[in-house]
Amino acid sequence: MIREGAFLLAMIAMTEPAAADTVHLYAAGSLKGALTDIAKAFEAATGSKVEPTYGPSGLLKNEIANGAKADVFASANMEHPRTLRDEKKSGPVIRFARNRLCALARPGLELDSASLLERMLDPNVKLGTSTPKVDPSGDYAFEVFRKAEAIKPGAQAALEKKALQLTGGAASATPPAGRTVYGWHVAEGRVDIFLTYCTNAQAAQKEASAQQIVPLPASLAVGADYGVTVIAGAPASAQRFMEFIMSSQGQQILTDHGFATGK
């Protein structure tokens, strides 16, 4: 774990040219709100700039592996940054935040944690997920389906077959400006239930208060660990930005946005 003291020492030792560096951040879309605020605080404290690119972690990992200009990679899982580390394209991977999956449901749908599996299996209920392999949110949703198999034999195949993979892919539809993609799909009637991060569900409910957030029961619960790494060859300001994310100020901002801390 990076110590806050190390961050403070680095800040003190920072030279004026380093302060003017731009940190090219590649980060999971679910982090946009939190990392926007963290970046603003970092810029105010250091004078460095943060230039973000948000998207599905799997796609971003592939872009970085193919030479995209990235200095820091913040992923919605640990696997993608560890792949870059193992390929000697980045440094150590640190868990900096945790999330969990929730069910975002349309208004009026009779649903609670106890009935969630039954409703997801209902042929008349449209179920949405992100795209596995490309977006960790989709991988986590399919982990829910694997857990469902232990409760009801045949559930995994049925859920995988009916799940509409509406986000995360290169050809996925883009919501209007200012709308979360998950709440937008629910509002447009494309799905009745969308399995997504609880932080995403909370953001969607702020846009449409009648949309429901249903916690997964313990038997289906899936958590998400978020990992961050500095890309090989990045400027010193990239390391400082990662350390800022792990500082008490950075972790508090993540908590304010609904994440659990990575510490």
Protein backbone atom coordinates (compact mmCIF):
# COMPACT_ATOMS: atom_id res chain seq x y z
CA MET A 1 0.00 0.00 0.00
CA ILE A 2 1.32 3.42 -0.91
CA ARG A 3 1.81 5.57 2.18
CA GLU A 4 0.43 9.08 2.33
CA GLY A 5 3.80 10.23 3.67
CA ALA A 6 5.43 9.20 0.41
CA PHE A 7 2.92 11.31 -1.50
CA LEU A 8 3.61 14.34 0.68
CA LEU A 9 7.37 14.00 0.26
CA ALA A 10 6.94 13.72 -3.49
CA MET A 11 4.80 16.85 -3.47
CA ILE A 12 7.43 18.79 -1.56
CA ALA A 13 10.20 17.65 -3.88
CA MET A 14 8.24 18.41 -7.03
CA THR A 15 9.92 20.87 -9.38
CA GLU A 16 8.15 23.53 -11.42
CA PRO A 17 8.57 21.71 -14.78
CA ALA A 18 7.07 18.57 -13.26
CA ALA A 19 4.14 20.60 -11.97
CA ALA A 20 3.23 21.52 -15.52
CA ASP A 21 3.06 17.89 -16.70
CA THR A 22 -0.14 16.51 -18.15
CA VAL A 23 -1.27 13.13 -16.83
CA HIS A 24 -3.07 11.10 -19.48
CA LEU A 25 -5.62 9.08 -17.54
CA TYR A 26 -7.42 6.06 -18.99
CA ALA A 27 -10.23 5.00 -16.66
CA ALA A 28 -13.36 2.89 -16.40
CA GLY A 29 -16.55 4.78 -17.23
CA SER A 30 -18.01 3.99 -13.81
CA LEU A 31 -15.25 6.12 -12.29
CA LYS A 32 -15.99 9.27 -14.28
CA GLY A 33 -17.73 11.22 -11.54
CA ALA A 34 -15.27 10.31 -8.79
CA LEU A 35 -12.11 10.71 -10.84
CA THR A 36 -13.29 14.02 -12.27
CA ASP A 37 -13.44 15.37 -8.73
CA ILE A 38 -10.14 13.72 -7.76
CA ALA A 39 -8.47 15.19 -10.83
CA LYS A 40 -9.73 18.69 -9.97
CA ALA A 41 -8.35 18.38 -6.44
CA PHE A 42 -5.03 17.04 -7.75
CA GLU A 43 -4.71 19.85 -10.28
CA ALA A 44 -5.41 22.44 -7.59
CA ALA A 45 -2.79 20.91 -5.29
CA THR A 46 -0.02 20.32 -7.83
CA GLY A 47 -0.48 22.44 -10.94
CA SER A 48 -0.35 19.30 -13.09
CA LYS A 49 -3.18 18.66 -15.51
CA VAL A 50 -5.19 15.47 -15.92
CA GLU A 51 -6.49 14.61 -19.38
CA PRO A 52 -9.00 11.76 -19.04
CA THR A 53 -10.30 9.11 -21.41
CA TYR A 54 -13.20 7.05 -20.07
CA GLY A 55 -14.60 3.82 -21.42
CA PRO A 56 -14.91 0.05 -20.88
CA SER A 57 -11.82 -1.18 -19.08
CA GLY A 58 -11.18 -4.04 -21.50
CA LEU A 59 -11.20 -1.76 -24.52
CA LEU A 60 -8.92 0.73 -22.78
CA LYS A 61 -6.51 -2.03 -21.79
CA ASN A 62 -6.29 -3.14 -25.41
CA GLU A 63 -5.66 0.44 -26.58
CA ILE A 64 -2.86 0.86 -24.04
CA ALA A 65 -1.31 -2.48 -25.03
CA ASN A 66 -1.35 -1.28 -28.64
CA GLY A 67 0.50 1.93 -27.82
CA ALA A 68 -2.15 4.48 -26.84
CA LYS A 69 -0.81 7.50 -24.97
CA ALA A 70 -1.75 6.67 -21.38
CA ASP A 71 0.09 7.41 -18.14
CA VAL A 72 -2.31 6.01 -15.55
CA PHE A 73 -4.84 3.21 -16.04
CA ALA A 74 -7.71 2.88 -13.54
CA SER A 75 -9.73 -0.27 -14.23
CA ALA A 76 -12.98 -1.66 -12.86
CA ASN A 77 -11.18 -4.92 -12.18
CA MET A 78 -7.71 -6.09 -11.21
CA GLU A 79 -7.23 -8.42 -14.18
CA HIS A 80 -6.76 -5.83 -16.93
CA PRO A 81 -4.07 -3.74 -15.22
CA ARG A 82 -2.33 -6.92 -14.07
CA THR A 83 -2.18 -8.04 -17.70
CA LEU A 84 -0.35 -4.83 -18.58
CA ARG A 85 1.97 -5.31 -15.61
CA ASP A 86 2.73 -8.90 -16.62
CA GLU A 87 3.56 -7.68 -20.13
CA LYS A 88 6.00 -5.15 -18.60
CA LYS A 89 3.86 -2.30 -19.89
CA SER A 90 3.12 -0.90 -16.43
CA GLY A 91 4.22 -0.94 -12.80
CA PRO A 92 2.58 -2.46 -9.71
CA VAL A 93 -1.20 -2.74 -9.55
CA ILE A 94 -2.96 -1.35 -6.48
CA ARG A 95 -6.56 -1.87 -5.42
CA PHE A 96 -7.88 1.65 -4.88
CA ALA A 97 -11.67 1.19 -4.66
CA ARG A 98 -14.36 -1.41 -4.32
CA ASN A 99 -17.87 -1.57 -5.73
CA ARG A 100 -20.69 -4.11 -5.91
CA LEU A 101 -23.48 -5.07 -8.26
CA CYS A 102 -27.09 -3.97 -7.88
CA ALA A 103 -30.22 -4.41 -9.96
CA LEU A 104 -31.59 -1.22 -11.51
CA ALA A 105 -35.26 -1.79 -12.33
CA ARG A 106 -38.02 0.07 -14.11
CA PRO A 107 -40.72 1.81 -12.07
CA GLY A 108 -43.66 -0.40 -11.19
CA LEU A 109 -41.89 -3.73 -11.51
CA GLU A 110 -42.65 -5.80 -8.41
CA LEU A 111 -39.19 -6.71 -7.23
CA ASP A 112 -37.11 -7.17 -4.11
CA SER A 113 -33.92 -9.00 -3.24
CA ALA A 114 -35.74 -12.23 -2.41
CA SER A 115 -37.59 -12.34 -5.74
CA LEU A 116 -34.74 -11.05 -7.94
CA LEU A 117 -33.67 -14.40 -9.39
CA GLU A 118 -37.24 -15.42 -10.16
CA ARG A 119 -37.90 -12.11 -11.90
CA MET A 120 -34.67 -12.27 -13.91
CA LEU A 121 -35.65 -15.74 -15.12
CA ASP A 122 -39.18 -14.63 -16.06
CA PRO A 123 -39.43 -14.82 -19.88
CA ASN A 124 -41.51 -11.63 -19.85
CA VAL A 125 -38.84 -9.61 -18.03
CA LYS A 126 -36.10 -8.05 -20.18
CA LEU A 127 -32.68 -8.31 -18.55
CA GLY A 128 -29.71 -6.10 -19.43
CA THR A 129 -25.98 -6.35 -18.76
CA SER A 130 -22.79 -4.86 -20.08
CA THR A 131 -20.56 -6.83 -22.45
CA PRO A 132 -18.36 -9.52 -20.83
CA LYS A 133 -14.62 -9.56 -21.61
CA VAL A 134 -14.81 -5.97 -22.85
CA ASP A 135 -16.39 -4.38 -19.76
CA PRO A 136 -15.84 -5.88 -16.28
CA SER A 137 -19.42 -4.97 -15.38
CA GLY A 138 -20.53 -7.64 -17.84
CA ASP A 139 -18.11 -10.16 -16.34
CA TYR A 140 -19.48 -9.46 -12.88
CA ALA A 141 -23.06 -9.87 -14.14
CA PHE A 142 -22.20 -13.25 -15.64
CA GLU A 143 -20.68 -14.21 -12.28
CA VAL A 144 -24.13 -13.56 -10.82
CA PHE A 145 -25.50 -16.01 -13.38
CA ARG A 146 -22.95 -18.63 -12.31
CA LYS A 147 -24.02 -18.19 -8.71
CA ALA A 148 -27.65 -18.57 -9.78
CA GLU A 149 -26.84 -22.03 -11.13
CA ALA A 150 -26.12 -23.26 -7.60
CA ILE A 151 -29.57 -22.07 -6.51
CA LYS A 152 -31.57 -23.22 -9.50
CA PRO A 153 -30.06 -25.72 -11.98
CA GLY A 154 -30.33 -24.44 -15.53
CA ALA A 155 -30.47 -20.80 -14.42
CA GLN A 156 -27.01 -19.91 -15.72
CA ALA A 157 -27.69 -20.97 -19.30
CA ALA A 158 -31.13 -19.35 -19.27
CA LEU A 159 -29.82 -16.02 -17.97
CA GLU A 160 -26.83 -15.95 -20.31
CA LYS A 161 -29.12 -16.63 -23.26
CA LYS A 162 -31.65 -13.90 -22.44
CA ALA A 163 -29.25 -11.20 -21.21
CA LEU A 164 -29.14 -8.19 -23.54
CA GLN A 165 -25.54 -6.94 -23.67
CA LEU A 166 -26.38 -3.29 -24.24
CA THR A 167 -23.27 -1.43 -23.09
CA GLY A 168 -19.51 -1.74 -23.19
CA GLY A 169 -19.16 -2.93 -26.77
CA ALA A 170 -17.61 -0.89 -29.55
CA ALA A 171 -20.98 -0.68 -31.31
CA SER A 172 -23.13 -0.08 -28.20
CA ALA A 173 -25.66 2.74 -28.39
CA THR A 174 -24.63 6.04 -26.82
CA PRO A 175 -27.07 7.83 -24.49
CA PRO A 176 -27.93 11.51 -24.85
CA ALA A 177 -25.55 13.95 -23.18
CA GLY A 178 -26.02 14.06 -19.44
CA ARG A 179 -27.74 10.68 -19.18
CA THR A 180 -26.34 7.50 -17.67
CA VAL A 181 -26.47 4.66 -20.17
CA TYR A 182 -28.07 2.26 -17.68
CA GLY A 183 -30.89 4.54 -16.62
CA TRP A 184 -31.41 5.55 -20.23
CA HIS A 185 -31.93 1.95 -21.38
CA VAL A 186 -34.36 1.35 -18.51
CA ALA A 187 -36.22 4.60 -19.21
CA GLU A 188 -36.50 3.75 -22.93
CA GLY A 189 -38.01 0.36 -22.10
CA ARG A 190 -35.22 -1.72 -23.61
CA VAL A 191 -34.84 -3.59 -20.33
CA ASP A 192 -36.83 -4.08 -17.16
CA ILE A 193 -33.81 -4.97 -15.02
CA PHE A 194 -30.22 -3.89 -15.60
CA LEU A 195 -27.41 -5.49 -13.59
CA THR A 196 -24.82 -2.78 -13.02
CA TYR A 197 -22.62 -1.30 -10.34
CA CYS A 198 -24.49 0.14 -7.38
CA THR A 199 -22.74 3.47 -7.99
CA ASN A 200 -24.11 3.51 -11.55
CA ALA A 201 -27.57 2.62 -10.29
CA GLN A 202 -27.45 5.50 -7.81
CA ALA A 203 -26.47 7.91 -10.58
CA ALA A 204 -29.33 6.64 -12.75
CA GLN A 205 -31.83 7.06 -9.93
CA LYS A 206 -30.77 10.70 -9.53
CA GLU A 207 -31.89 11.23 -13.13
CA ALA A 208 -35.13 9.25 -12.75
CA SER A 209 -36.15 8.94 -9.13
CA ALA A 210 -38.85 6.31 -9.80
CA GLN A 211 -36.31 3.78 -11.03
CA GLN A 212 -35.65 1.16 -8.39
CA ILE A 213 -32.36 0.00 -6.90
CA VAL A 214 -32.50 -3.55 -5.56
CA PRO A 215 -29.54 -5.06 -3.67
CA LEU A 216 -28.55 -8.55 -4.72
CA PRO A 217 -29.23 -11.21 -2.08
CA ALA A 218 -26.20 -12.70 -0.34
CA SER A 219 -26.45 -15.84 -2.46
CA LEU A 220 -26.01 -13.79 -5.67
CA ALA A 221 -23.86 -10.93 -4.39
CA VAL A 222 -20.79 -10.03 -6.44
CA GLY A 223 -18.19 -7.44 -5.48
CA ALA A 224 -15.86 -5.51 -7.77
CA ASP A 225 -12.25 -4.58 -7.01
CA TYR A 226 -10.81 -1.61 -8.93
CA GLY A 227 -7.10 -1.56 -9.77
CA VAL A 228 -4.81 1.29 -10.81
CA THR A 229 -1.34 1.20 -12.35
CA VAL A 230 1.17 3.65 -13.82
CA ILE A 231 2.13 2.90 -17.41
CA ALA A 232 5.81 2.35 -18.23
CA GLY A 233 7.55 5.53 -19.32
CA ALA A 234 4.98 7.86 -17.74
CA PRO A 235 6.15 11.16 -16.21
CA ALA A 236 6.69 11.51 -12.48
CA SER A 237 3.36 13.34 -12.20
CA ALA A 238 1.58 10.07 -13.08
CA GLN A 239 2.99 8.40 -9.97
CA ARG A 240 1.95 11.43 -7.92
CA PHE A 241 -1.57 11.21 -9.30
CA MET A 242 -1.85 7.53 -8.35
CA GLU A 243 -0.59 8.39 -4.88
CA PHE A 244 -3.16 11.18 -4.67
CA ILE A 245 -5.91 8.66 -5.47
CA MET A 246 -4.68 6.57 -2.53
CA SER A 247 -4.38 9.56 -0.17
CA SER A 248 -7.03 10.25 2.45
CA GLN A 249 -8.42 13.06 0.27
CA GLY A 250 -8.67 10.85 -2.81
CA GLN A 251 -10.23 7.98 -0.89
CA GLN A 252 -12.77 10.33 0.71
CA ILE A 253 -13.86 11.53 -2.73
CA LEU A 254 -14.36 7.93 -3.84
CA THR A 255 -16.43 7.28 -0.70
CA ASP A 256 -18.51 10.38 -1.41
CA HIS A 257 -19.35 8.88 -4.81
CA GLY A 258 -20.54 5.60 -3.28
CA PHE A 259 -17.40 3.47 -3.58
CA ALA A 260 -15.83 1.56 -0.73
CA THR A 261 -12.19 2.41 -0.19
CA GLY A 262 -9.46 0.19 -1.54
CA LYS A 263 -7.50 0.24 1.70
